[in-house]
């Protein structure tokens, strides 16, 4: 395990702000540079959230880095890690997750806002509804996997997390440590 000073002051990947396409490409470039060397991955993150699927892709790249290089990966959440940031944090082994003492996590269910307009033959309208239902069911399945990854080594169970996430579940750094969602508070 890296020393607290190294975690706080020497990250080799930094993400600040909303998770989106630009964030993804920035992280990919930073991971490519890391692959060329021998250093462990140390990611610092402060985010109000963003695109859930982009966060899933960033999490995948981190998992692939760990698998392919055999090196360690460390997560440091600073001040606020909301929504899509939780997905990224979940890619790291729990003992390698750290938060600064002032960090708040936000876990919530995926949100969608869409208007469905039905206009035409019944069979076509039924197909439109089936397609939208499939999208929602896929999102729900992905959300469940992300929640399982988040609490894999913790004292929290999935039904409790879902219950709390429905209402926007804010978790302090101290509570995250107590629950075993992170390995330490800095």
C-alpha atoms as a PDB file:
ATOM      1  CA  UNK A   1       0.000   0.000   0.000  1.00  0.00           C
ATOM      2  CA  UNK A   2       1.286   3.425  -0.904  1.00  0.00           C
ATOM      3  CA  UNK A   3       2.000   5.942   1.824  1.00  0.00           C
ATOM      4  CA  UNK A   4      -0.703   8.579   2.420  1.00  0.00           C
ATOM      5  CA  UNK A   5       1.601  11.321   1.172  1.00  0.00           C
ATOM      6  CA  UNK A   6       2.109   9.539  -2.160  1.00  0.00           C
ATOM      7  CA  UNK A   7      -1.631   8.998  -2.540  1.00  0.00           C
ATOM      8  CA  UNK A   8      -2.459  12.624  -1.786  1.00  0.00           C
ATOM      9  CA  UNK A   9       0.323  14.348  -3.656  1.00  0.00           C
ATOM     10  CA  UNK A  10       1.503  12.073  -6.460  1.00  0.00           C
ATOM     11  CA  UNK A  11      -1.459  10.850  -8.512  1.00  0.00           C
ATOM     12  CA  UNK A  12      -0.581   9.995 -12.096  1.00  0.00           C
ATOM     13  CA  UNK A  13      -4.181  10.304 -13.306  1.00  0.00           C
ATOM     14  CA  UNK A  14      -6.416  13.184 -12.291  1.00  0.00           C
ATOM     15  CA  UNK A  15     -10.091  13.663 -13.038  1.00  0.00           C
ATOM     16  CA  UNK A  16     -11.863  16.814 -11.953  1.00  0.00           C
ATOM     17  CA  UNK A  17     -15.362  17.701 -13.091  1.00  0.00           C
ATOM     18  CA  UNK A  18     -18.092  16.016 -15.054  1.00  0.00           C
ATOM     19  CA  UNK A  19     -17.470  12.577 -16.579  1.00  0.00           C
ATOM     20  CA  UNK A  20     -17.887  12.686 -20.350  1.00  0.00           C
ATOM     21  CA  UNK A  21     -16.184  11.905 -23.646  1.00  0.00           C
ATOM     22  CA  UNK A  22     -13.298  14.333 -23.090  1.00  0.00           C
ATOM     23  CA  UNK A  23     -12.658  12.762 -19.681  1.00  0.00           C
ATOM     24  CA  UNK A  24     -12.537   9.314 -21.253  1.00  0.00           C
ATOM     25  CA  UNK A  25      -9.925  10.275 -23.836  1.00  0.00           C
ATOM     26  CA  UNK A  26      -7.845  12.087 -21.219  1.00  0.00           C
ATOM     27  CA  UNK A  27      -7.855   8.997 -18.973  1.00  0.00           C
ATOM     28  CA  UNK A  28      -7.005   6.689 -21.893  1.00  0.00           C
ATOM     29  CA  UNK A  29      -3.991   8.851 -22.776  1.00  0.00           C
ATOM     30  CA  UNK A  30      -2.833   8.910 -19.162  1.00  0.00           C
ATOM     31  CA  UNK A  31      -3.178   5.115 -18.863  1.00  0.00           C
ATOM     32  CA  UNK A  32      -1.185   4.646 -22.094  1.00  0.00           C
ATOM     33  CA  UNK A  33       1.664   6.690 -20.605  1.00  0.00           C
ATOM     34  CA  UNK A  34       1.524   4.566 -17.447  1.00  0.00           C
ATOM     35  CA  UNK A  35       1.676   1.322 -19.430  1.00  0.00           C
ATOM     36  CA  UNK A  36       5.002   2.457 -20.906  1.00  0.00           C
ATOM     37  CA  UNK A  37       6.550   2.690 -17.424  1.00  0.00           C
ATOM     38  CA  UNK A  38       6.541   0.654 -14.245  1.00  0.00           C
ATOM     39  CA  UNK A  39       4.489   2.823 -11.892  1.00  0.00           C
ATOM     40  CA  UNK A  40       1.296   1.742 -10.191  1.00  0.00           C
ATOM     41  CA  UNK A  41      -1.847   3.615 -11.186  1.00  0.00           C
ATOM     42  CA  UNK A  42      -2.919   6.316  -8.720  1.00  0.00           C
ATOM     43  CA  UNK A  43      -6.149   8.041  -9.723  1.00  0.00           C
ATOM     44  CA  UNK A  44      -7.387  11.184  -7.995  1.00  0.00           C
ATOM     45  CA  UNK A  45     -11.070  12.001  -8.545  1.00  0.00           C
ATOM     46  CA  UNK A  46     -13.445  14.833  -7.722  1.00  0.00           C
ATOM     47  CA  UNK A  47     -16.654  14.760  -9.742  1.00  0.00           C
ATOM     48  CA  UNK A  48     -20.282  15.788  -9.609  1.00  0.00           C
ATOM     49  CA  UNK A  49     -21.049  12.809 -11.845  1.00  0.00           C
ATOM     50  CA  UNK A  50     -21.734  12.613 -15.533  1.00  0.00           C
ATOM     51  CA  UNK A  51     -22.362   9.939 -18.115  1.00  0.00           C
ATOM     52  CA  UNK A  52     -22.784   6.516 -16.482  1.00  0.00           C
ATOM     53  CA  UNK A  53     -21.721   4.553 -19.560  1.00  0.00           C
ATOM     54  CA  UNK A  54     -18.554   6.615 -20.015  1.00  0.00           C
ATOM     55  CA  UNK A  55     -17.739   5.939 -16.362  1.00  0.00           C
ATOM     56  CA  UNK A  56     -18.262   2.204 -16.980  1.00  0.00           C
ATOM     57  CA  UNK A  57     -15.789   2.372 -19.860  1.00  0.00           C
ATOM     58  CA  UNK A  58     -13.195   4.183 -17.734  1.00  0.00           C
ATOM     59  CA  UNK A  59     -13.692   1.536 -15.025  1.00  0.00           C
ATOM     60  CA  UNK A  60     -13.115  -1.169 -17.638  1.00  0.00           C
ATOM     61  CA  UNK A  61      -9.835   0.447 -18.732  1.00  0.00           C
ATOM     62  CA  UNK A  62      -8.652   0.536 -15.120  1.00  0.00           C
ATOM     63  CA  UNK A  63      -9.549  -3.140 -14.639  1.00  0.00           C
ATOM     64  CA  UNK A  64      -7.731  -4.064 -17.851  1.00  0.00           C
ATOM     65  CA  UNK A  65      -4.663  -2.093 -16.703  1.00  0.00           C
ATOM     66  CA  UNK A  66      -4.609  -4.034 -13.417  1.00  0.00           C
ATOM     67  CA  UNK A  67      -5.087  -7.366 -15.191  1.00  0.00           C
ATOM     68  CA  UNK A  68      -2.613  -6.805 -18.018  1.00  0.00           C
ATOM     69  CA  UNK A  69       0.203  -5.124 -16.095  1.00  0.00           C
ATOM     70  CA  UNK A  70      -0.062  -6.978 -12.790  1.00  0.00           C
ATOM     71  CA  UNK A  71       0.476  -3.626 -11.089  1.00  0.00           C
ATOM     72  CA  UNK A  72      -1.575  -2.056  -8.343  1.00  0.00           C
ATOM     73  CA  UNK A  73      -4.198   0.632  -8.859  1.00  0.00           C
ATOM     74  CA  UNK A  74      -5.145   3.108  -6.140  1.00  0.00           C
ATOM     75  CA  UNK A  75      -8.147   5.422  -5.931  1.00  0.00           C
ATOM     76  CA  UNK A  76      -8.195   8.719  -4.034  1.00  0.00           C
ATOM     77  CA  UNK A  77     -11.527  10.520  -3.824  1.00  0.00           C
ATOM     78  CA  UNK A  78     -11.206  14.157  -2.891  1.00  0.00           C
ATOM     79  CA  UNK A  79     -14.082  16.283  -1.542  1.00  0.00           C
ATOM     80  CA  UNK A  80     -16.915  14.936  -3.746  1.00  0.00           C
ATOM     81  CA  UNK A  81     -17.369  11.698  -5.662  1.00  0.00           C
ATOM     82  CA  UNK A  82     -20.885  11.601  -6.987  1.00  0.00           C
ATOM     83  CA  UNK A  83     -22.850   9.352  -9.286  1.00  0.00           C
ATOM     84  CA  UNK A  84     -20.660   8.257 -12.229  1.00  0.00           C
ATOM     85  CA  UNK A  85     -17.604   8.737 -10.008  1.00  0.00           C
ATOM     86  CA  UNK A  86     -18.852   5.868  -7.846  1.00  0.00           C
ATOM     87  CA  UNK A  87     -18.736   3.641 -10.931  1.00  0.00           C
ATOM     88  CA  UNK A  88     -15.089   4.541 -11.488  1.00  0.00           C
ATOM     89  CA  UNK A  89     -14.233   4.034  -7.801  1.00  0.00           C
ATOM     90  CA  UNK A  90     -15.841   0.589  -7.930  1.00  0.00           C
ATOM     91  CA  UNK A  91     -13.175  -0.608 -10.405  1.00  0.00           C
ATOM     92  CA  UNK A  92     -10.526  -0.443  -7.677  1.00  0.00           C
ATOM     93  CA  UNK A  93      -9.969  -3.147  -5.056  1.00  0.00           C
ATOM     94  CA  UNK A  94     -11.595  -1.995  -1.820  1.00  0.00           C
ATOM     95  CA  UNK A  95      -8.344  -1.932   0.198  1.00  0.00           C
ATOM     96  CA  UNK A  96      -6.882   0.402  -2.465  1.00  0.00           C
ATOM     97  CA  UNK A  97      -9.730   2.924  -2.225  1.00  0.00           C
ATOM     98  CA  UNK A  98      -9.044   6.028  -0.134  1.00  0.00           C
ATOM     99  CA  UNK A  99     -10.992   9.221   0.531  1.00  0.00           C
ATOM    100  CA  UNK A 100      -9.891  12.511   1.987  1.00  0.00           C
ATOM    101  CA  UNK A 101     -11.581  13.160   5.326  1.00  0.00           C
ATOM    102  CA  UNK A 102     -13.898  15.781   3.761  1.00  0.00           C
ATOM    103  CA  UNK A 103     -15.167  13.587   0.916  1.00  0.00           C
ATOM    104  CA  UNK A 104     -18.817  12.820   0.376  1.00  0.00           C
ATOM    105  CA  UNK A 105     -19.968  10.018  -1.899  1.00  0.00           C
ATOM    106  CA  UNK A 106     -23.318  10.053  -3.694  1.00  0.00           C
ATOM    107  CA  UNK A 107     -24.913   6.784  -4.765  1.00  0.00           C
ATOM    108  CA  UNK A 108     -28.217   6.843  -6.598  1.00  0.00           C
ATOM    109  CA  UNK A 109     -30.176   4.835  -9.085  1.00  0.00           C
ATOM    110  CA  UNK A 110     -29.648   5.602 -12.756  1.00  0.00           C
ATOM    111  CA  UNK A 111     -31.944   8.323 -14.010  1.00  0.00           C
ATOM    112  CA  UNK A 112     -33.593   8.697 -17.369  1.00  0.00           C
ATOM    113  CA  UNK A 113     -35.778  11.359 -18.882  1.00  0.00           C
ATOM    114  CA  UNK A 114     -37.477  10.494 -22.092  1.00  0.00           C
ATOM    115  CA  UNK A 115     -40.771  11.097 -23.840  1.00  0.00           C
ATOM    116  CA  UNK A 116     -42.136   8.221 -25.862  1.00  0.00           C
ATOM    117  CA  UNK A 117     -44.496   9.121 -28.631  1.00  0.00           C
ATOM    118  CA  UNK A 118     -46.695   6.430 -30.084  1.00  0.00           C
ATOM    119  CA  UNK A 119     -48.135   7.259 -33.460  1.00  0.00           C
ATOM    120  CA  UNK A 120     -48.973   4.554 -35.927  1.00  0.00           C
ATOM    121  CA  UNK A 121     -50.003   0.925 -36.134  1.00  0.00           C
ATOM    122  CA  UNK A 122     -50.402  -0.965 -32.852  1.00  0.00           C
ATOM    123  CA  UNK A 123     -47.726  -3.528 -33.738  1.00  0.00           C
ATOM    124  CA  UNK A 124     -45.194  -0.772 -34.433  1.00  0.00           C
ATOM    125  CA  UNK A 125     -46.110   0.963 -31.152  1.00  0.00           C
ATOM    126  CA  UNK A 126     -45.695  -2.271 -29.222  1.00  0.00           C
ATOM    127  CA  UNK A 127     -42.237  -2.704 -30.763  1.00  0.00           C
ATOM    128  CA  UNK A 128     -41.257   0.838 -29.750  1.00  0.00           C
ATOM    129  CA  UNK A 129     -42.319   0.120 -26.166  1.00  0.00           C
ATOM    130  CA  UNK A 130     -40.408  -3.196 -26.152  1.00  0.00           C
ATOM    131  CA  UNK A 131     -37.254  -1.428 -27.322  1.00  0.00           C
ATOM    132  CA  UNK A 132     -37.529   1.184 -24.588  1.00  0.00           C
ATOM    133  CA  UNK A 133     -38.208  -1.492 -21.983  1.00  0.00           C
ATOM    134  CA  UNK A 134     -35.108  -3.382 -23.127  1.00  0.00           C
ATOM    135  CA  UNK A 135     -33.025  -0.239 -22.683  1.00  0.00           C
ATOM    136  CA  UNK A 136     -34.371   0.248 -19.142  1.00  0.00           C
ATOM    137  CA  UNK A 137     -33.821  -3.406 -18.211  1.00  0.00           C
ATOM    138  CA  UNK A 138     -30.258  -3.282 -19.520  1.00  0.00           C
ATOM    139  CA  UNK A 139     -29.567  -0.110 -17.542  1.00  0.00           C
ATOM    140  CA  UNK A 140     -31.007  -1.753 -14.430  1.00  0.00           C
ATOM    141  CA  UNK A 141     -28.798  -4.837 -14.915  1.00  0.00           C
ATOM    142  CA  UNK A 142     -25.686  -2.678 -15.352  1.00  0.00           C
ATOM    143  CA  UNK A 143     -26.608  -0.627 -12.302  1.00  0.00           C
ATOM    144  CA  UNK A 144     -26.950  -3.790 -10.194  1.00  0.00           C
ATOM    145  CA  UNK A 145     -23.503  -4.994 -11.286  1.00  0.00           C
ATOM    146  CA  UNK A 146     -21.993  -1.623 -10.434  1.00  0.00           C
ATOM    147  CA  UNK A 147     -23.650  -1.669  -7.013  1.00  0.00           C
ATOM    148  CA  UNK A 148     -22.307  -5.194  -6.391  1.00  0.00           C
ATOM    149  CA  UNK A 149     -18.798  -4.041  -7.336  1.00  0.00           C
ATOM    150  CA  UNK A 150     -19.085  -1.070  -4.968  1.00  0.00           C
ATOM    151  CA  UNK A 151     -20.043  -3.155  -1.922  1.00  0.00           C
ATOM    152  CA  UNK A 152     -18.188  -6.396  -2.765  1.00  0.00           C
ATOM    153  CA  UNK A 153     -16.021  -6.417   0.365  1.00  0.00           C
ATOM    154  CA  UNK A 154     -18.186  -4.218   2.575  1.00  0.00           C
ATOM    155  CA  UNK A 155     -20.663  -4.642   5.410  1.00  0.00           C
ATOM    156  CA  UNK A 156     -23.468  -3.311   3.189  1.00  0.00           C
ATOM    157  CA  UNK A 157     -25.891  -5.641   1.419  1.00  0.00           C
ATOM    158  CA  UNK A 158     -27.463  -5.010  -1.975  1.00  0.00           C
ATOM    159  CA  UNK A 159     -31.100  -4.551  -0.801  1.00  0.00           C
ATOM    160  CA  UNK A 160     -30.019  -1.924   1.745  1.00  0.00           C
ATOM    161  CA  UNK A 161     -27.942  -0.082  -0.836  1.00  0.00           C
ATOM    162  CA  UNK A 162     -30.869  -0.050  -3.281  1.00  0.00           C
ATOM    163  CA  UNK A 163     -33.230   1.224  -0.604  1.00  0.00           C
ATOM    164  CA  UNK A 164     -30.896   4.094   0.257  1.00  0.00           C
ATOM    165  CA  UNK A 165     -29.939   4.834  -3.367  1.00  0.00           C
ATOM    166  CA  UNK A 166     -33.576   5.495  -4.309  1.00  0.00           C
ATOM    167  CA  UNK A 167     -33.451   8.661  -2.208  1.00  0.00           C
ATOM    168  CA  UNK A 168     -29.903   9.780  -3.153  1.00  0.00           C
ATOM    169  CA  UNK A 169     -27.557   8.161  -0.641  1.00  0.00           C
ATOM    170  CA  UNK A 170     -24.876  10.568   0.590  1.00  0.00           C
ATOM    171  CA  UNK A 171     -22.044   8.808   2.427  1.00  0.00           C
ATOM    172  CA  UNK A 172     -19.364  10.616   4.408  1.00  0.00           C
ATOM    173  CA  UNK A 173     -15.761   9.417   4.263  1.00  0.00           C
ATOM    174  CA  UNK A 174     -15.997   8.173   7.857  1.00  0.00           C
ATOM    175  CA  UNK A 175     -19.181   6.219   7.107  1.00  0.00           C
ATOM    176  CA  UNK A 176     -17.671   4.735   3.922  1.00  0.00           C
ATOM    177  CA  UNK A 177     -14.701   3.508   5.972  1.00  0.00           C
ATOM    178  CA  UNK A 178     -16.954   2.097   8.687  1.00  0.00           C
ATOM    179  CA  UNK A 179     -19.049   0.254   6.087  1.00  0.00           C
ATOM    180  CA  UNK A 180     -15.931  -1.130   4.393  1.00  0.00           C
ATOM    181  CA  UNK A 181     -16.620   0.595   1.065  1.00  0.00           C
ATOM    182  CA  UNK A 182     -13.139   2.153   1.178  1.00  0.00           C
ATOM    183  CA  UNK A 183      -9.870   0.985   2.688  1.00  0.00           C
ATOM    184  CA  UNK A 184      -8.886   4.218   4.396  1.00  0.00           C
ATOM    185  CA  UNK A 185      -9.512   7.884   5.025  1.00  0.00           C
ATOM    186  CA  UNK A 186      -6.638  10.313   4.556  1.00  0.00           C
END
